[in-house]
C-alpha atoms as a PDB file:
ATOM      1  CA  SER A   1      91.754 102.047 111.199  1.00  0.00           C
ATOM      2  CA  VAL A   2      89.641 100.309 108.595  1.00  0.00           C
ATOM      3  CA  GLN A   3      89.325 101.291 104.952  1.00  0.00           C
ATOM      4  CA  GLY A   4      86.689 100.521 102.360  1.00  0.00           C
ATOM      5  CA  THR A   5      85.085 101.688  99.158  1.00  0.00           C
ATOM      6  CA  ILE A   6      81.446 102.197  98.214  1.00  0.00           C
ATOM      7  CA  HIS A   7      80.583 101.087  94.697  1.00  0.00           C
ATOM      8  CA  PRO A   8      77.800 102.540  92.550  1.00  0.00           C
ATOM      9  CA  GLY A   9      74.592 100.886  93.690  1.00  0.00           C
ATOM     10  CA  GLY A  10      75.698 100.912  97.324  1.00  0.00           C
ATOM     11  CA  ARG A  11      77.822  97.770  97.584  1.00  0.00           C
ATOM     12  CA  VAL A  12      80.478  98.168 100.301  1.00  0.00           C
ATOM     13  CA  GLU A  13      83.880  96.516  99.870  1.00  0.00           C
ATOM     14  CA  LEU A  14      86.374  96.424 102.727  1.00  0.00           C
ATOM     15  CA  LEU A  15      89.929  97.034 101.531  1.00  0.00           C
ATOM     16  CA  SER A  16      92.211  96.948 104.572  1.00  0.00           C
ATOM     17  CA  THR A  17      92.763  97.374 108.288  1.00  0.00           C
ATOM     18  CA  HIS A  18      95.812  99.040 109.825  1.00  0.00           C
ATOM     19  CA  GLU A  19      97.639  99.873 113.007  1.00  0.00           C
ATOM     20  CA  GLN A  20      98.488 103.532 112.552  1.00  0.00           C
ATOM     21  CA  ILE A  21     101.940 104.739 113.574  1.00  0.00           C
ATOM     22  CA  LEU A  22     101.770 108.193 115.170  1.00  0.00           C
ATOM     23  CA  GLY A  23     104.530 110.574 116.246  1.00  0.00           C
ATOM     24  CA  GLY A  24     105.580 114.192 116.074  1.00  0.00           C
ATOM     25  CA  ALA A  25     105.658 116.796 118.813  1.00  0.00           C
ATOM     26  CA  GLY A  26     102.197 115.955 120.130  1.00  0.00           C
ATOM     27  CA  GLY A  27     102.250 112.263 119.283  1.00  0.00           C
ATOM     28  CA  GLN A  28      99.322 112.706 116.895  1.00  0.00           C
ATOM     29  CA  THR A  29     101.059 113.117 113.520  1.00  0.00           C
ATOM     30  CA  TYR A  30     100.523 110.265 111.066  1.00  0.00           C
ATOM     31  CA  LEU A  31     103.900 108.726 110.218  1.00  0.00           C
ATOM     32  CA  GLY A  32     102.950 105.378 108.749  1.00  0.00           C
ATOM     33  CA  CYS A  33     101.044 102.154 109.282  1.00  0.00           C
ATOM     34  CA  ARG A  34     101.220  98.395 109.714  1.00  0.00           C
ATOM     35  CA  PHE A  35      98.951  96.022 107.832  1.00  0.00           C
ATOM     36  CA  PRO A  36      96.850  94.247 108.907  1.00  0.00           C
ATOM     37  CA  ALA A  37      95.433  95.348 112.249  1.00  0.00           C
ATOM     38  CA  ASP A  38      95.996  93.178 115.315  1.00  0.00           C
ATOM     39  CA  ASP A  39      94.499  89.675 115.327  1.00  0.00           C
ATOM     40  CA  ALA A  40      92.752  90.382 118.637  1.00  0.00           C
ATOM     41  CA  TYR A  41      90.244  92.849 117.185  1.00  0.00           C
ATOM     42  CA  ARG A  42      90.701  92.807 113.387  1.00  0.00           C
ATOM     43  CA  LEU A  43      87.380  91.096 112.636  1.00  0.00           C
ATOM     44  CA  GLU A  44      85.460  93.408 114.967  1.00  0.00           C
ATOM     45  CA  LEU A  45      87.191  96.334 113.284  1.00  0.00           C
ATOM     46  CA  MET A  46      85.992  95.035 109.944  1.00  0.00           C
ATOM     47  CA  ARG A  47      82.427  94.722 111.227  1.00  0.00           C
ATOM     48  CA  HIS A  48      82.504  98.360 112.331  1.00  0.00           C
ATOM     49  CA  GLY A  49      83.945  99.378 108.962  1.00  0.00           C
ATOM     50  CA  GLN A  50      81.226  97.495 107.101  1.00  0.00           C
ATOM     51  CA  ALA A  51      78.474  99.095 109.197  1.00  0.00           C
ATOM     52  CA  VAL A  52      79.856 102.604 108.695  1.00  0.00           C
ATOM     53  CA  GLY A  53      80.243 102.001 104.964  1.00  0.00           C
ATOM     54  CA  GLU A  54      76.638 100.822 104.655  1.00  0.00           C
ATOM     55  CA  ALA A  55      75.409 103.861 106.574  1.00  0.00           C
ATOM     56  CA  LEU A  56      77.410 106.149 104.287  1.00  0.00           C
ATOM     57  CA  ALA A  57      76.074 104.360 101.213  1.00  0.00           C
ATOM     58  CA  ARG A  58      72.503 104.993 102.361  1.00  0.00           C
ATOM     59  CA  GLU A  59      73.363 108.712 102.436  1.00  0.00           C
ATOM     60  CA  GLY A  60      74.637 108.565  98.856  1.00  0.00           C
ATOM     61  CA  ALA A  61      78.395 108.466  99.525  1.00  0.00           C
ATOM     62  CA  LEU A  62      80.663 106.842  96.937  1.00  0.00           C
ATOM     63  CA  GLU A  63      84.267 105.696  96.613  1.00  0.00           C
ATOM     64  CA  ARG A  64      86.837 105.457  99.400  1.00  0.00           C
ATOM     65  CA  TYR A  65      86.248 106.004 103.087  1.00  0.00           C
ATOM     66  CA  ALA A  66      88.181 105.243 106.261  1.00  0.00           C
ATOM     67  CA  VAL A  67      87.293 104.996 109.944  1.00  0.00           C
ATOM     68  CA  ASP A  68      89.828 105.725 112.681  1.00  0.00           C
ATOM     69  CA  LEU A  69      89.269 104.048 116.023  1.00  0.00           C
ATOM     70  CA  ILE A  70      90.882 103.758 119.427  1.00  0.00           C
ATOM     71  CA  ALA A  71      91.352 100.206 120.718  1.00  0.00           C
ATOM     72  CA  ARG A  72      91.680  99.735 124.452  1.00  0.00           C
ATOM     73  CA  GLN A  73      91.659  96.644 126.619  1.00  0.00           C
ATOM     74  CA  MET A  74      89.054  96.641 129.381  1.00  0.00           C
ATOM     75  CA  ASN A  75      88.494  93.731 131.769  1.00  0.00           C
ATOM     76  CA  GLY A  76      90.322  91.378 129.450  1.00  0.00           C
ATOM     77  CA  THR A  77      88.426  92.322 126.298  1.00  0.00           C
ATOM     78  CA  TRP A  78      89.071  94.865 123.575  1.00  0.00           C
ATOM     79  CA  ASP A  79      86.831  97.912 123.274  1.00  0.00           C
ATOM     80  CA  LEU A  80      86.781  99.801 119.951  1.00  0.00           C
ATOM     81  CA  GLN A  81      85.590 103.401 119.784  1.00  0.00           C
ATOM     82  CA  ALA A  82      85.345 105.252 116.471  1.00  0.00           C
ATOM     83  CA  ILE A  83      86.784 108.775 116.548  1.00  0.00           C
ATOM     84  CA  GLU A  84      86.822 109.901 112.907  1.00  0.00           C
ATOM     85  CA  VAL A  85      85.404 109.123 109.464  1.00  0.00           C
ATOM     86  CA  ASN A  86      87.269 110.312 106.356  1.00  0.00           C
ATOM     87  CA  LEU A  87      85.581 110.399 102.942  1.00  0.00           C
ATOM     88  CA  ARG A  88      88.799 110.451 100.946  1.00  0.00           C
ATOM     89  CA  GLN A  89      92.030 108.681 100.201  1.00  0.00           C
ATOM     90  CA  GLY A  90      94.568 108.874 103.016  1.00  0.00           C
ATOM     91  CA  GLY A  91      97.984 107.778 104.179  1.00  0.00           C
ATOM     92  CA  THR A  92      97.012 104.097 104.110  1.00  0.00           C
ATOM     93  CA  THR A  93      95.682 104.236 100.536  1.00  0.00           C
ATOM     94  CA  HIS A  94      98.977 104.136  98.672  1.00  0.00           C
ATOM     95  CA  PRO A  95     100.486 101.151 100.556  1.00  0.00           C
ATOM     96  CA  THR A  96      97.330  99.115  99.985  1.00  0.00           C
ATOM     97  CA  MET A  97      97.261  99.977  96.280  1.00  0.00           C
ATOM     98  CA  ALA A  98     100.968  99.181  95.994  1.00  0.00           C
ATOM     99  CA  LEU A  99     100.481  95.773  97.612  1.00  0.00           C
ATOM    100  CA  ARG A 100      97.631  94.928  95.248  1.00  0.00           C
ATOM    101  CA  ALA A 101      99.706  96.012  92.262  1.00  0.00           C
ATOM    102  CA  ILE A 102     102.871  94.076  93.086  1.00  0.00           C
ATOM    103  CA  THR A 103     101.183  90.856  94.265  1.00  0.00           C
ATOM    104  CA  THR A 104      97.873  90.805  92.312  1.00  0.00           C
ATOM    105  CA  GLY A 105      96.389  89.374  95.497  1.00  0.00           C
ATOM    106  CA  GLN A 106      93.272  90.297  97.426  1.00  0.00           C
ATOM    107  CA  LEU A 107      91.869  90.720 100.924  1.00  0.00           C
ATOM    108  CA  ASP A 108      90.272  87.632 102.443  1.00  0.00           C
ATOM    109  CA  PRO A 109      86.986  88.920 103.908  1.00  0.00           C
ATOM    110  CA  ASP A 110      86.828  86.085 106.446  1.00  0.00           C
ATOM    111  CA  SER A 111      90.245  86.652 108.038  1.00  0.00           C
ATOM    112  CA  GLY A 112      91.154  90.216 107.057  1.00  0.00           C
ATOM    113  CA  LEU A 113      94.488  88.925 105.738  1.00  0.00           C
ATOM    114  CA  PHE A 114      95.810  89.817 102.297  1.00  0.00           C
ATOM    115  CA  MET A 115      96.451  86.685 100.294  1.00  0.00           C
ATOM    116  CA  ALA A 116      98.881  86.442  97.390  1.00  0.00           C
ATOM    117  CA  PRO A 117      97.821  84.226  94.458  1.00  0.00           C
ATOM    118  CA  THR A 118      99.996  81.471  95.957  1.00  0.00           C
ATOM    119  CA  GLY A 119      97.804  81.433  99.080  1.00  0.00           C
ATOM    120  CA  GLN A 120     100.510  83.041 101.239  1.00  0.00           C
ATOM    121  CA  ALA A 121      99.422  85.834 103.571  1.00  0.00           C
ATOM    122  CA  VAL A 122     101.354  89.069 103.019  1.00  0.00           C
ATOM    123  CA  TYR A 123     102.034  91.865 105.520  1.00  0.00           C
ATOM    124  CA  TYR A 124     103.625  95.300 105.357  1.00  0.00           C
ATOM    125  CA  THR A 125     104.988  98.195 107.344  1.00  0.00           C
ATOM    126  CA  ALA A 126     104.774 101.501 105.476  1.00  0.00           C
ATOM    127  CA  THR A 127     105.634 105.161 105.899  1.00  0.00           C
ATOM    128  CA  ASP A 128     105.266 108.357 103.920  1.00  0.00           C
ATOM    129  CA  ASN A 129     107.694 110.175 106.190  1.00  0.00           C
ATOM    130  CA  LEU A 130     111.118 108.523 106.223  1.00  0.00           C
ATOM    131  CA  THR A 131     113.268 111.629 106.689  1.00  0.00           C
ATOM    132  CA  HIS A 132     116.988 111.975 107.387  1.00  0.00           C
ATOM    133  CA  PRO A 133     119.554 114.710 106.617  1.00  0.00           C
ATOM    134  CA  GLN A 134     121.863 112.173 104.954  1.00  0.00           C
ATOM    135  CA  LEU A 135     119.207 111.447 102.346  1.00  0.00           C
ATOM    136  CA  ARG A 136     119.326 115.012 101.026  1.00  0.00           C
ATOM    137  CA  GLY A 137     120.958 115.241  97.633  1.00  0.00           C
ATOM    138  CA  LEU A 138     120.192 111.607  96.858  1.00  0.00           C
ATOM    139  CA  LEU A 139     118.640 111.168  93.417  1.00  0.00           C
ATOM    140  CA  PRO A 140     115.968 108.562  92.612  1.00  0.00           C
ATOM    141  CA  ALA A 141     118.508 106.762  90.418  1.00  0.00           C
ATOM    142  CA  ASP A 142     120.886 106.601  93.413  1.00  0.00           C
ATOM    143  CA  LEU A 143     118.090 105.147  95.524  1.00  0.00           C
ATOM    144  CA  ILE A 144     117.403 102.419  92.973  1.00  0.00           C
ATOM    145  CA  ASP A 145     121.094 101.512  92.829  1.00  0.00           C
ATOM    146  CA  ILE A 146     121.397 101.354  96.632  1.00  0.00           C
ATOM    147  CA  VAL A 147     118.309  99.186  96.977  1.00  0.00           C
ATOM    148  CA  ALA A 148     119.402  96.805  94.221  1.00  0.00           C
ATOM    149  CA  GLU A 149     122.944  96.446  95.585  1.00  0.00           C
ATOM    150  CA  ALA A 150     121.648  95.673  99.082  1.00  0.00           C
ATOM    151  CA  ASP A 151     118.961  93.253  97.804  1.00  0.00           C
ATOM    152  CA  LEU A 152     116.253  95.347  99.460  1.00  0.00           C
ATOM    153  CA  HIS A 153     113.983  95.685  96.417  1.00  0.00           C
ATOM    154  CA  TYR A 154     110.679  93.832  96.269  1.00  0.00           C
ATOM    155  CA  ASP A 155     111.103  90.251  95.052  1.00  0.00           C
ATOM    156  CA  PRO A 156     107.813  88.679  93.885  1.00  0.00           C
ATOM    157  CA  ALA A 157     109.258  85.173  94.233  1.00  0.00           C
ATOM    158  CA  ARG A 158     110.017  85.722  97.923  1.00  0.00           C
ATOM    159  CA  LEU A 159     107.082  88.081  98.596  1.00  0.00           C
ATOM    160  CA  ARG A 160     109.389  90.429 100.461  1.00  0.00           C
ATOM    161  CA  GLY A 161     111.193  93.705  99.914  1.00  0.00           C
ATOM    162  CA  SER A 162     110.471  97.415  99.573  1.00  0.00           C
ATOM    163  CA  VAL A 163     108.766  99.671  97.047  1.00  0.00           C
ATOM    164  CA  PHE A 164     109.004 103.468  97.148  1.00  0.00           C
ATOM    165  CA  HIS A 165     106.972 106.616  96.552  1.00  0.00           C
ATOM    166  CA  LEU A 166     107.268 110.385  97.139  1.00  0.00           C
ATOM    167  CA  LEU A 167     110.643 110.338  95.417  1.00  0.00           C
ATOM    168  CA  GLY A 168     110.137 113.949  94.306  1.00  0.00           C
ATOM    169  CA  CYS A 169     110.882 114.967  97.912  1.00  0.00           C
ATOM    170  CA  LEU A 170     114.066 112.927  98.195  1.00  0.00           C
ATOM    171  CA  SER A 171     116.861 115.159  96.890  1.00  0.00           C
ATOM    172  CA  GLU A 172     115.683 118.481  98.321  1.00  0.00           C
ATOM    173  CA  PHE A 173     114.153 117.414 101.628  1.00  0.00           C
ATOM    174  CA  GLY A 174     115.748 114.033 102.348  1.00  0.00           C
ATOM    175  CA  LYS A 175     112.296 112.487 102.582  1.00  0.00           C
ATOM    176  CA  LEU A 176     110.561 109.552 100.906  1.00  0.00           C
ATOM    177  CA  GLY A 177     107.804 106.999 101.398  1.00  0.00           C
ATOM    178  CA  MET A 178     108.110 103.243 101.278  1.00  0.00           C
ATOM    179  CA  THR A 179     106.074 100.073 101.699  1.00  0.00           C
ATOM    180  CA  CYS A 180     108.017  97.152 103.143  1.00  0.00           C
ATOM    181  CA  VAL A 181     106.493  93.738 102.510  1.00  0.00           C
ATOM    182  CA  GLY A 182     107.009  90.389 104.172  1.00  0.00           C
ATOM    183  CA  ARG A 183     105.323  87.051 104.793  1.00  0.00           C
ATOM    184  CA  SER A 184     104.759  87.873 108.468  1.00  0.00           C
ATOM    185  CA  ALA A 185     104.420  91.000 110.553  1.00  0.00           C
ATOM    186  CA  ASP A 186     107.901  90.424 111.979  1.00  0.00           C
ATOM    187  CA  GLU A 187     109.425  89.971 108.525  1.00  0.00           C
ATOM    188  CA  ALA A 188     107.777  93.149 107.225  1.00  0.00           C
ATOM    189  CA  GLU A 189     109.127  95.066 110.203  1.00  0.00           C
ATOM    190  CA  ALA A 190     112.610  93.597 109.652  1.00  0.00           C
ATOM    191  CA  VAL A 191     112.501  94.621 105.972  1.00  0.00           C
ATOM    192  CA  TYR A 192     111.481  98.130 107.038  1.00  0.00           C
ATOM    193  CA  ARG A 193     114.391  98.474 109.482  1.00  0.00           C
ATOM    194  CA  ALA A 194     116.915  97.019 107.038  1.00  0.00           C
ATOM    195  CA  THR A 195     115.750  99.329 104.246  1.00  0.00           C
ATOM    196  CA  ALA A 196     115.749 102.496 106.346  1.00  0.00           C
ATOM    197  CA  GLU A 197     119.110 101.758 107.928  1.00  0.00           C
ATOM    198  CA  GLY A 198     120.652 100.645 104.642  1.00  0.00           C
ATOM    199  CA  LEU A 199     119.514 103.744 102.760  1.00  0.00           C
ATOM    200  CA  ILE A 200     120.722 106.160 105.414  1.00  0.00           C
ATOM    201  CA  ARG A 201     124.069 104.411 105.849  1.00  0.00           C
ATOM    202  CA  ARG A 202     124.813 104.176 102.122  1.00  0.00           C
ATOM    203  CA  ALA A 203     123.671 107.761 101.518  1.00  0.00           C
ATOM    204  CA  GLY A 204     126.127 108.880 104.182  1.00  0.00           C
ATOM    205  CA  GLU A 205     128.923 106.930 102.504  1.00  0.00           C
ATOM    206  CA  LEU A 206     128.137 108.562  99.156  1.00  0.00           C
ATOM    207  CA  GLN A 207     128.199 112.002 100.747  1.00  0.00           C
ATOM    208  CA  ALA A 208     131.585 111.260 102.304  1.00  0.00           C
ATOM    209  CA  GLN A 209     132.943 110.230  98.898  1.00  0.00           C
ATOM    210  CA  ALA A 210     131.667 113.364  97.152  1.00  0.00           C
END
């Protein structure tokens, strides 16, 4: 997917590209995303996003939009087919806004990478649907303590770690969202796994002690 915003006057600004993570019973439920989209077709994805944004702007649309596409490899090349346009914020909006807030960086329009002020590219894996029975009863304050003790919180000096949202769902439903940042796609994925596993394990230990 590719996300952008249309400014008053019609200027289109691309904000992000993502690999969407789908699951659920039919394999079509949005679970999370990885930023940025794959190197093989990221720039083409951005060109499509720019063209759609400009077409929307000509029709008078404003603010955020997103285009979902299917990428498939045919005869050694990637073919992108748009399947949906959303004129709203979506599941990828919060992770992108969180990354901008914690790094004060910006998207490089030539590469599609997000660059921290230091010049380091930053990546993330994010979800708004980390759910586990052992997380039920956990309070936001407990979450903060667990993350700090395990050194899983976001560290601006290292440009890695996790930030959280949807904490209002945590205690009752055992569900939360998180954006896990790293200096490479592999590091972001490793931070994601370590955070999810660490939270669930420690929550289970706290339940056993109660």
